[in-house]
């Protein structure tokens, strides 16, 4: 596996928390951060692949058409938009 370096600047509180967790896991901070980034990349790519497959051949126009079929009624209690989002 080839490796690349990247200078990473973290807020001190985040670095300290990551260092504490890495120590608890018995790995170096570098190894812990690399693993955390790999997990996030995997999760994001998996989600993107899932959504791409789920969407299939759908287009933005299909979405608008689907929304137009929704009944025009008030939202259920608790589902209203906050006043500043109207």
PDB file of N, CA and C in Angstrom:
ATOM      1  N   UNK A   1       0.855  -1.176   0.000  1.00  0.00           N
ATOM      2  CA  UNK A   1       0.000   0.000   0.000  1.00  0.00           C
ATOM      3  C   UNK A   1       0.892   1.226   0.000  1.00  0.00           C
ATOM      4  N   UNK A   2       0.625   2.140  -0.923  1.00  0.00           N
ATOM      5  CA  UNK A   2       1.394   3.380  -0.947  1.00  0.00           C
ATOM      6  C   UNK A   2       0.803   4.338   0.081  1.00  0.00           C
ATOM      7  N   UNK A   3       1.637   5.224   0.563  1.00  0.00           N
ATOM      8  CA  UNK A   3       1.186   6.166   1.587  1.00  0.00           C
ATOM      9  C   UNK A   3       1.553   7.572   1.172  1.00  0.00           C
ATOM     10  N   UNK A   4       0.752   8.510   1.623  1.00  0.00           N
ATOM     11  CA  UNK A   4       1.012   9.924   1.370  1.00  0.00           C
ATOM     12  C   UNK A   4       0.944  10.655   2.700  1.00  0.00           C
ATOM     13  N   UNK A   5       1.666  11.722   2.794  1.00  0.00           N
ATOM     14  CA  UNK A   5       1.606  12.517   4.009  1.00  0.00           C
ATOM     15  C   UNK A   5       0.715  13.721   3.773  1.00  0.00           C
ATOM     16  N   UNK A   6       0.121  14.193   4.863  1.00  0.00           N
ATOM     17  CA  UNK A   6      -0.746  15.354   4.800  1.00  0.00           C
ATOM     18  C   UNK A   6      -0.632  16.088   6.128  1.00  0.00           C
ATOM     19  N   UNK A   7      -0.213  17.344   6.083  1.00  0.00           N
ATOM     20  CA  UNK A   7      -0.125  18.094   7.341  1.00  0.00           C
ATOM     21  C   UNK A   7      -1.534  18.430   7.822  1.00  0.00           C
ATOM     22  N   UNK A   8      -1.861  17.957   9.000  1.00  0.00           N
ATOM     23  CA  UNK A   8      -3.209  18.115   9.524  1.00  0.00           C
ATOM     24  C   UNK A   8      -3.199  19.063  10.711  1.00  0.00           C
ATOM     25  N   UNK A   9      -4.055  20.064  10.643  1.00  0.00           N
ATOM     26  CA  UNK A   9      -4.191  20.998  11.759  1.00  0.00           C
ATOM     27  C   UNK A   9      -5.540  20.748  12.407  1.00  0.00           C
ATOM     28  N   UNK A  10      -5.514  20.438  13.691  1.00  0.00           N
ATOM     29  CA  UNK A  10      -6.739  20.168  14.444  1.00  0.00           C
ATOM     30  C   UNK A  10      -6.865  21.151  15.596  1.00  0.00           C
ATOM     31  N   UNK A  11      -8.096  21.465  15.979  1.00  0.00           N
ATOM     32  CA  UNK A  11      -8.253  22.216  17.221  1.00  0.00           C
ATOM     33  C   UNK A  11      -7.631  21.396  18.357  1.00  0.00           C
ATOM     34  N   UNK A  12      -7.021  22.057  19.303  1.00  0.00           N
ATOM     35  CA  UNK A  12      -6.322  21.371  20.386  1.00  0.00           C
ATOM     36  C   UNK A  12      -7.241  20.388  21.106  1.00  0.00           C
ATOM     37  N   UNK A  13      -8.473  20.774  21.359  1.00  0.00           N
ATOM     38  CA  UNK A  13      -9.390  19.882  22.083  1.00  0.00           C
ATOM     39  C   UNK A  13      -9.654  18.595  21.298  1.00  0.00           C
ATOM     40  N   UNK A  14      -9.755  18.706  19.970  1.00  0.00           N
ATOM     41  CA  UNK A  14      -9.985  17.522  19.132  1.00  0.00           C
ATOM     42  C   UNK A  14      -8.747  16.637  19.139  1.00  0.00           C
ATOM     43  N   UNK A  15      -7.579  17.244  19.022  1.00  0.00           N
ATOM     44  CA  UNK A  15      -6.327  16.463  19.039  1.00  0.00           C
ATOM     45  C   UNK A  15      -6.162  15.739  20.366  1.00  0.00           C
ATOM     46  N   UNK A  16      -6.448  16.427  21.456  1.00  0.00           N
ATOM     47  CA  UNK A  16      -6.302  15.796  22.768  1.00  0.00           C
ATOM     48  C   UNK A  16      -7.274  14.627  22.926  1.00  0.00           C
ATOM     49  N   UNK A  17      -8.501  14.807  22.470  1.00  0.00           N
ATOM     50  CA  UNK A  17      -9.487  13.719  22.550  1.00  0.00           C
ATOM     51  C   UNK A  17      -9.058  12.548  21.672  1.00  0.00           C
ATOM     52  N   UNK A  18      -8.581  12.830  20.463  1.00  0.00           N
ATOM     53  CA  UNK A  18      -8.127  11.771  19.554  1.00  0.00           C
ATOM     54  C   UNK A  18      -6.930  11.042  20.152  1.00  0.00           C
ATOM     55  N   UNK A  19      -6.000  11.781  20.748  1.00  0.00           N
ATOM     56  CA  UNK A  19      -4.823  11.160  21.369  1.00  0.00           C
ATOM     57  C   UNK A  19      -5.248  10.253  22.528  1.00  0.00           C
ATOM     58  N   UNK A  20      -6.204  10.709  23.314  1.00  0.00           N
ATOM     59  CA  UNK A  20      -6.703   9.906  24.442  1.00  0.00           C
ATOM     60  C   UNK A  20      -7.344   8.618  23.932  1.00  0.00           C
ATOM     61  N   UNK A  21      -8.156   8.726  22.877  1.00  0.00           N
ATOM     62  CA  UNK A  21      -8.822   7.541  22.320  1.00  0.00           C
ATOM     63  C   UNK A  21      -7.820   6.591  21.663  1.00  0.00           C
ATOM     64  N   UNK A  22      -6.824   7.160  20.987  1.00  0.00           N
ATOM     65  CA  UNK A  22      -5.792   6.324  20.367  1.00  0.00           C
ATOM     66  C   UNK A  22      -5.037   5.540  21.433  1.00  0.00           C
ATOM     67  N   UNK A  23      -4.690   6.216  22.506  1.00  0.00           N
ATOM     68  CA  UNK A  23      -3.977   5.545  23.604  1.00  0.00           C
ATOM     69  C   UNK A  23      -4.826   4.424  24.182  1.00  0.00           C
ATOM     70  N   UNK A  24      -6.123   4.690  24.370  1.00  0.00           N
ATOM     71  CA  UNK A  24      -7.024   3.664  24.901  1.00  0.00           C
ATOM     72  C   UNK A  24      -7.117   2.467  23.956  1.00  0.00           C
ATOM     73  N   UNK A  25      -7.004   2.725  22.655  1.00  0.00           N
ATOM     74  CA  UNK A  25      -7.043   1.644  21.658  1.00  0.00           C
ATOM     75  C   UNK A  25      -5.690   0.968  21.486  1.00  0.00           C
ATOM     76  N   UNK A  26      -4.646   1.564  22.075  1.00  0.00           N
ATOM     77  CA  UNK A  26      -3.304   0.981  21.968  1.00  0.00           C
ATOM     78  C   UNK A  26      -2.651   1.195  20.621  1.00  0.00           C
ATOM     79  N   UNK A  27      -3.002   2.289  19.952  1.00  0.00           N
ATOM     80  CA  UNK A  27      -2.395   2.593  18.656  1.00  0.00           C
ATOM     81  C   UNK A  27      -1.858   4.019  18.676  1.00  0.00           C
ATOM     82  N   UNK A  28      -1.044   4.332  17.683  1.00  0.00           N
ATOM     83  CA  UNK A  28      -0.517   5.693  17.588  1.00  0.00           C
ATOM     84  C   UNK A  28      -1.621   6.646  17.165  1.00  0.00           C
ATOM     85  N   UNK A  29      -1.425   7.921  17.454  1.00  0.00           N
ATOM     86  CA  UNK A  29      -2.393   8.931  17.030  1.00  0.00           C
ATOM     87  C   UNK A  29      -2.529   8.911  15.511  1.00  0.00           C
ATOM     88  N   UNK A  30      -1.431   8.805  14.812  1.00  0.00           N
ATOM     89  CA  UNK A  30      -1.465   8.767  13.351  1.00  0.00           C
ATOM     90  C   UNK A  30      -2.308   7.591  12.855  1.00  0.00           C
ATOM     91  N   UNK A  31      -2.076   6.418  13.444  1.00  0.00           N
ATOM     92  CA  UNK A  31      -2.821   5.228  13.031  1.00  0.00           C
ATOM     93  C   UNK A  31      -4.313   5.398  13.348  1.00  0.00           C
ATOM     94  N   UNK A  32      -4.622   5.986  14.494  1.00  0.00           N
ATOM     95  CA  UNK A  32      -6.014   6.184  14.888  1.00  0.00           C
ATOM     96  C   UNK A  32      -6.715   7.143  13.927  1.00  0.00           C
ATOM     97  N   UNK A  33      -6.048   8.246  13.581  1.00  0.00           N
ATOM     98  CA  UNK A  33      -6.638   9.224  12.651  1.00  0.00           C
ATOM     99  C   UNK A  33      -6.821   8.602  11.274  1.00  0.00           C
ATOM    100  N   UNK A  34      -5.820   7.838  10.804  1.00  0.00           N
ATOM    101  CA  UNK A  34      -5.932   7.187   9.491  1.00  0.00           C
ATOM    102  C   UNK A  34      -7.121   6.231   9.470  1.00  0.00           C
ATOM    103  N   UNK A  35      -7.315   5.489  10.560  1.00  0.00           N
ATOM    104  CA  UNK A  35      -8.437   4.562  10.643  1.00  0.00           C
ATOM    105  C   UNK A  35      -9.766   5.317  10.662  1.00  0.00           C
ATOM    106  N   UNK A  36      -9.829   6.417  11.408  1.00  0.00           N
ATOM    107  CA  UNK A  36     -11.058   7.216  11.478  1.00  0.00           C
ATOM    108  C   UNK A  36     -11.412   7.792  10.111  1.00  0.00           C
ATOM    109  N   UNK A  37     -10.419   8.280   9.389  1.00  0.00           N
ATOM    110  CA  UNK A  37     -10.667   8.837   8.056  1.00  0.00           C
ATOM    111  C   UNK A  37     -11.126   7.719   7.111  1.00  0.00           C
ATOM    112  N   UNK A  38     -10.486   6.550   7.198  1.00  0.00           N
ATOM    113  CA  UNK A  38     -10.872   5.428   6.339  1.00  0.00           C
ATOM    114  C   UNK A  38     -12.315   5.000   6.612  1.00  0.00           C
ATOM    115  N   UNK A  39     -12.706   4.987   7.890  1.00  0.00           N
ATOM    116  CA  UNK A  39     -14.084   4.631   8.228  1.00  0.00           C
ATOM    117  C   UNK A  39     -15.063   5.641   7.647  1.00  0.00           C
ATOM    118  N   UNK A  40     -14.738   6.908   7.750  1.00  0.00           N
ATOM    119  CA  UNK A  40     -15.631   7.953   7.230  1.00  0.00           C
ATOM    120  C   UNK A  40     -15.733   7.858   5.709  1.00  0.00           C
ATOM    121  N   UNK A  41     -14.607   7.653   5.041  1.00  0.00           N
ATOM    122  CA  UNK A  41     -14.616   7.518   3.576  1.00  0.00           C
ATOM    123  C   UNK A  41     -15.486   6.326   3.182  1.00  0.00           C
ATOM    124  N   UNK A  42     -15.317   5.208   3.870  1.00  0.00           N
ATOM    125  CA  UNK A  42     -16.111   4.019   3.561  1.00  0.00           C
ATOM    126  C   UNK A  42     -17.594   4.266   3.754  1.00  0.00           C
ATOM    127  N   UNK A  43     -17.949   4.929   4.848  1.00  0.00           N
ATOM    128  CA  UNK A  43     -19.357   5.207   5.112  1.00  0.00           C
ATOM    129  C   UNK A  43     -19.942   6.135   4.060  1.00  0.00           C
ATOM    130  N   UNK A  44     -19.205   7.172   3.697  1.00  0.00           N
ATOM    131  CA  UNK A  44     -19.707   8.127   2.710  1.00  0.00           C
ATOM    132  C   UNK A  44     -19.830   7.481   1.331  1.00  0.00           C
ATOM    133  N   UNK A  45     -18.836   6.681   0.949  1.00  0.00           N
ATOM    134  CA  UNK A  45     -18.913   6.032  -0.362  1.00  0.00           C
ATOM    135  C   UNK A  45     -20.042   5.015  -0.394  1.00  0.00           C
ATOM    136  N   UNK A  46     -20.244   4.296   0.695  1.00  0.00           N
ATOM    137  CA  UNK A  46     -21.332   3.331   0.768  1.00  0.00           C
ATOM    138  C   UNK A  46     -22.674   4.047   0.645  1.00  0.00           C
ATOM    139  N   UNK A  47     -22.831   5.147   1.361  1.00  0.00           N
ATOM    140  CA  UNK A  47     -24.084   5.910   1.296  1.00  0.00           C
ATOM    141  C   UNK A  47     -24.317   6.449  -0.109  1.00  0.00           C
ATOM    142  N   UNK A  48     -23.266   6.982  -0.734  1.00  0.00           N
ATOM    143  CA  UNK A  48     -23.415   7.530  -2.084  1.00  0.00           C
ATOM    144  C   UNK A  48     -23.789   6.430  -3.071  1.00  0.00           C
ATOM    145  N   UNK A  49     -23.157   5.257  -2.944  1.00  0.00           N
ATOM    146  CA  UNK A  49     -23.479   4.142  -3.835  1.00  0.00           C
ATOM    147  C   UNK A  49     -24.926   3.684  -3.634  1.00  0.00           C
ATOM    148  N   UNK A  50     -25.339   3.595  -2.371  1.00  0.00           N
ATOM    149  CA  UNK A  50     -26.713   3.190  -2.070  1.00  0.00           C
ATOM    150  C   UNK A  50     -27.708   4.169  -2.698  1.00  0.00           C
ATOM    151  N   UNK A  51     -27.467   5.458  -2.487  1.00  0.00           N
ATOM    152  CA  UNK A  51     -28.401   6.458  -3.017  1.00  0.00           C
ATOM    153  C   UNK A  51     -28.407   6.463  -4.541  1.00  0.00           C
ATOM    154  N   UNK A  52     -27.249   6.256  -5.151  1.00  0.00           N
ATOM    155  CA  UNK A  52     -27.179   6.204  -6.610  1.00  0.00           C
ATOM    156  C   UNK A  52     -27.980   5.008  -7.139  1.00  0.00           C
ATOM    157  N   UNK A  53     -27.818   3.848  -6.492  1.00  0.00           N
ATOM    158  CA  UNK A  53     -28.583   2.668  -6.917  1.00  0.00           C
ATOM    159  C   UNK A  53     -30.078   2.875  -6.679  1.00  0.00           C
ATOM    160  N   UNK A  54     -30.418   3.464  -5.545  1.00  0.00           N
ATOM    161  CA  UNK A  54     -31.826   3.680  -5.194  1.00  0.00           C
ATOM    162  C   UNK A  54     -32.489   4.653  -6.169  1.00  0.00           C
ATOM    163  N   UNK A  55     -31.742   5.651  -6.582  1.00  0.00           N
ATOM    164  CA  UNK A  55     -32.293   6.646  -7.500  1.00  0.00           C
ATOM    165  C   UNK A  55     -32.479   6.059  -8.892  1.00  0.00           C
ATOM    166  N   UNK A  56     -31.640   5.105  -9.263  1.00  0.00           N
ATOM    167  CA  UNK A  56     -31.746   4.491 -10.584  1.00  0.00           C
ATOM    168  C   UNK A  56     -31.641   5.537 -11.678  1.00  0.00           C
ATOM    169  N   UNK A  57     -32.627   5.546 -12.551  1.00  0.00           N
ATOM    170  CA  UNK A  57     -32.633   6.486 -13.672  1.00  0.00           C
ATOM    171  C   UNK A  57     -33.462   7.737 -13.372  1.00  0.00           C
ATOM    172  N   UNK A  58     -33.769   7.957 -12.100  1.00  0.00           N
ATOM    173  CA  UNK A  58     -34.600   9.110 -11.733  1.00  0.00           C
ATOM    174  C   UNK A  58     -33.891  10.412 -12.086  1.00  0.00           C
ATOM    175  N   UNK A  59     -34.691  11.416 -12.354  1.00  0.00           N
ATOM    176  CA  UNK A  59     -34.147  12.739 -12.689  1.00  0.00           C
ATOM    177  C   UNK A  59     -34.792  13.768 -11.762  1.00  0.00           C
ATOM    178  N   UNK A  60     -34.239  14.969 -11.707  1.00  0.00           N
ATOM    179  CA  UNK A  60     -34.880  16.018 -10.906  1.00  0.00           C
ATOM    180  C   UNK A  60     -36.334  16.252 -11.316  1.00  0.00           C
ATOM    181  N   UNK A  61     -36.627  16.106 -12.595  1.00  0.00           N
ATOM    182  CA  UNK A  61     -38.002  16.266 -13.068  1.00  0.00           C
ATOM    183  C   UNK A  61     -38.929  15.215 -12.476  1.00  0.00           C
ATOM    184  N   UNK A  62     -38.408  13.983 -12.318  1.00  0.00           N
ATOM    185  CA  UNK A  62     -39.203  12.929 -11.695  1.00  0.00           C
ATOM    186  C   UNK A  62     -39.547  13.304 -10.256  1.00  0.00           C
ATOM    187  N   UNK A  63     -38.606  13.914  -9.571  1.00  0.00           N
ATOM    188  CA  UNK A  63     -38.823  14.327  -8.181  1.00  0.00           C
ATOM    189  C   UNK A  63     -39.907  15.395  -8.099  1.00  0.00           C
ATOM    190  N   UNK A  64     -39.846  16.371  -8.986  1.00  0.00           N
ATOM    191  CA  UNK A  64     -40.856  17.428  -9.009  1.00  0.00           C
ATOM    192  C   UNK A  64     -42.224  16.819  -9.298  1.00  0.00           C
ATOM    193  N   UNK A  65     -42.280  15.905 -10.252  1.00  0.00           N
ATOM    194  CA  UNK A  65     -43.549  15.252 -10.587  1.00  0.00           C
ATOM    195  C   UNK A  65     -44.114  14.507  -9.380  1.00  0.00           C
ATOM    196  N   UNK A  66     -43.273  13.825  -8.638  1.00  0.00           N
ATOM    197  CA  UNK A  66     -43.709  13.100  -7.453  1.00  0.00           C
ATOM    198  C   UNK A  66     -44.225  14.074  -6.387  1.00  0.00           C
ATOM    199  N   UNK A  67     -43.531  15.174  -6.192  1.00  0.00           N
ATOM    200  CA  UNK A  67     -43.977  16.162  -5.207  1.00  0.00           C
ATOM    201  C   UNK A  67     -45.322  16.763  -5.577  1.00  0.00           C
ATOM    202  N   UNK A  68     -45.578  16.918  -6.871  1.00  0.00           N
ATOM    203  CA  UNK A  68     -46.845  17.492  -7.311  1.00  0.00           C
ATOM    204  C   UNK A  68     -48.023  16.563  -7.012  1.00  0.00           C
ATOM    205  N   UNK A  69     -47.762  15.267  -6.809  1.00  0.00           N
ATOM    206  CA  UNK A  69     -48.827  14.314  -6.492  1.00  0.00           C
ATOM    207  C   UNK A  69     -49.181  14.306  -5.011  1.00  0.00           C
ATOM    208  N   UNK A  70     -48.369  14.969  -4.183  1.00  0.00           N
ATOM    209  CA  UNK A  70     -48.624  14.989  -2.739  1.00  0.00           C
ATOM    210  C   UNK A  70     -49.786  15.921  -2.446  1.00  0.00           C
ATOM    211  N   UNK A  71     -50.681  15.453  -1.594  1.00  0.00           N
ATOM    212  CA  UNK A  71     -51.847  16.267  -1.234  1.00  0.00           C
ATOM    213  C   UNK A  71     -51.401  17.573  -0.578  1.00  0.00           C
ATOM    214  N   UNK A  72     -52.122  18.629  -0.891  1.00  0.00           N
ATOM    215  CA  UNK A  72     -51.816  19.940  -0.321  1.00  0.00           C
ATOM    216  C   UNK A  72     -52.566  20.080   1.000  1.00  0.00           C
ATOM    217  N   UNK A  73     -51.879  19.785   2.094  1.00  0.00           N
ATOM    218  CA  UNK A  73     -52.505  19.894   3.409  1.00  0.00           C
ATOM    219  C   UNK A  73     -51.442  20.323   4.421  1.00  0.00           C
ATOM    220  N   UNK A  74     -51.909  20.763   5.558  1.00  0.00           N
ATOM    221  CA  UNK A  74     -51.008  21.220   6.611  1.00  0.00           C
ATOM    222  C   UNK A  74     -50.189  20.047   7.148  1.00  0.00           C
ATOM    223  N   UNK A  75     -48.983  20.324   7.604  1.00  0.00           N
ATOM    224  CA  UNK A  75     -48.164  19.246   8.166  1.00  0.00           C
ATOM    225  C   UNK A  75     -48.760  18.727   9.471  1.00  0.00           C
ATOM    226  N   UNK A  76     -48.423  17.508   9.804  1.00  0.00           N
ATOM    227  CA  UNK A  76     -48.857  16.926  11.062  1.00  0.00           C
ATOM    228  C   UNK A  76     -48.206  17.695  12.210  1.00  0.00           C
ATOM    229  N   UNK A  77     -48.829  17.701  13.382  1.00  0.00           N
ATOM    230  CA  UNK A  77     -48.236  18.401  14.526  1.00  0.00           C
ATOM    231  C   UNK A  77     -46.807  17.924  14.791  1.00  0.00           C
ATOM    232  N   UNK A  78     -45.912  18.882  14.919  1.00  0.00           N
ATOM    233  CA  UNK A  78     -44.506  18.570  15.148  1.00  0.00           C
ATOM    234  C   UNK A  78     -43.674  18.572  13.880  1.00  0.00           C
ATOM    235  N   UNK A  79     -44.317  18.534  12.692  1.00  0.00           N
ATOM    236  CA  UNK A  79     -43.599  18.517  11.424  1.00  0.00           C
ATOM    237  C   UNK A  79     -43.557  19.907  10.762  1.00  0.00           C
ATOM    238  N   UNK A  80     -44.095  20.926  11.446  1.00  0.00           N
ATOM    239  CA  UNK A  80     -44.122  22.256  10.852  1.00  0.00           C
ATOM    240  C   UNK A  80     -42.689  22.803  10.732  1.00  0.00           C
ATOM    241  N   UNK A  81     -42.516  23.693   9.741  1.00  0.00           N
ATOM    242  CA  UNK A  81     -41.247  24.400   9.621  1.00  0.00           C
ATOM    243  C   UNK A  81     -41.146  25.438  10.736  1.00  0.00           C
ATOM    244  N   UNK A  82     -39.949  25.671  11.252  1.00  0.00           N
ATOM    245  CA  UNK A  82     -39.801  26.736  12.226  1.00  0.00           C
ATOM    246  C   UNK A  82     -40.180  28.083  11.578  1.00  0.00           C
ATOM    247  N   UNK A  83     -40.637  29.050  12.365  1.00  0.00           N
ATOM    248  CA  UNK A  83     -41.090  30.334  11.796  1.00  0.00           C
ATOM    249  C   UNK A  83     -40.033  31.026  10.937  1.00  0.00           C
ATOM    250  N   UNK A  84     -38.771  30.852  11.277  1.00  0.00           N
ATOM    251  CA  UNK A  84     -37.710  31.529  10.510  1.00  0.00           C
ATOM    252  C   UNK A  84     -37.365  30.809   9.205  1.00  0.00           C
ATOM    253  N   UNK A  85     -38.020  29.691   8.878  1.00  0.00           N
ATOM    254  CA  UNK A  85     -37.727  28.921   7.662  1.00  0.00           C
ATOM    255  C   UNK A  85     -38.826  29.021   6.622  1.00  0.00           C
ATOM    256  N   UNK A  86     -39.800  29.913   6.819  1.00  0.00           N
ATOM    257  CA  UNK A  86     -40.918  30.033   5.854  1.00  0.00           C
ATOM    258  C   UNK A  86     -40.518  30.844   4.673  1.00  0.00           C
TER     259      UNK A  86
END
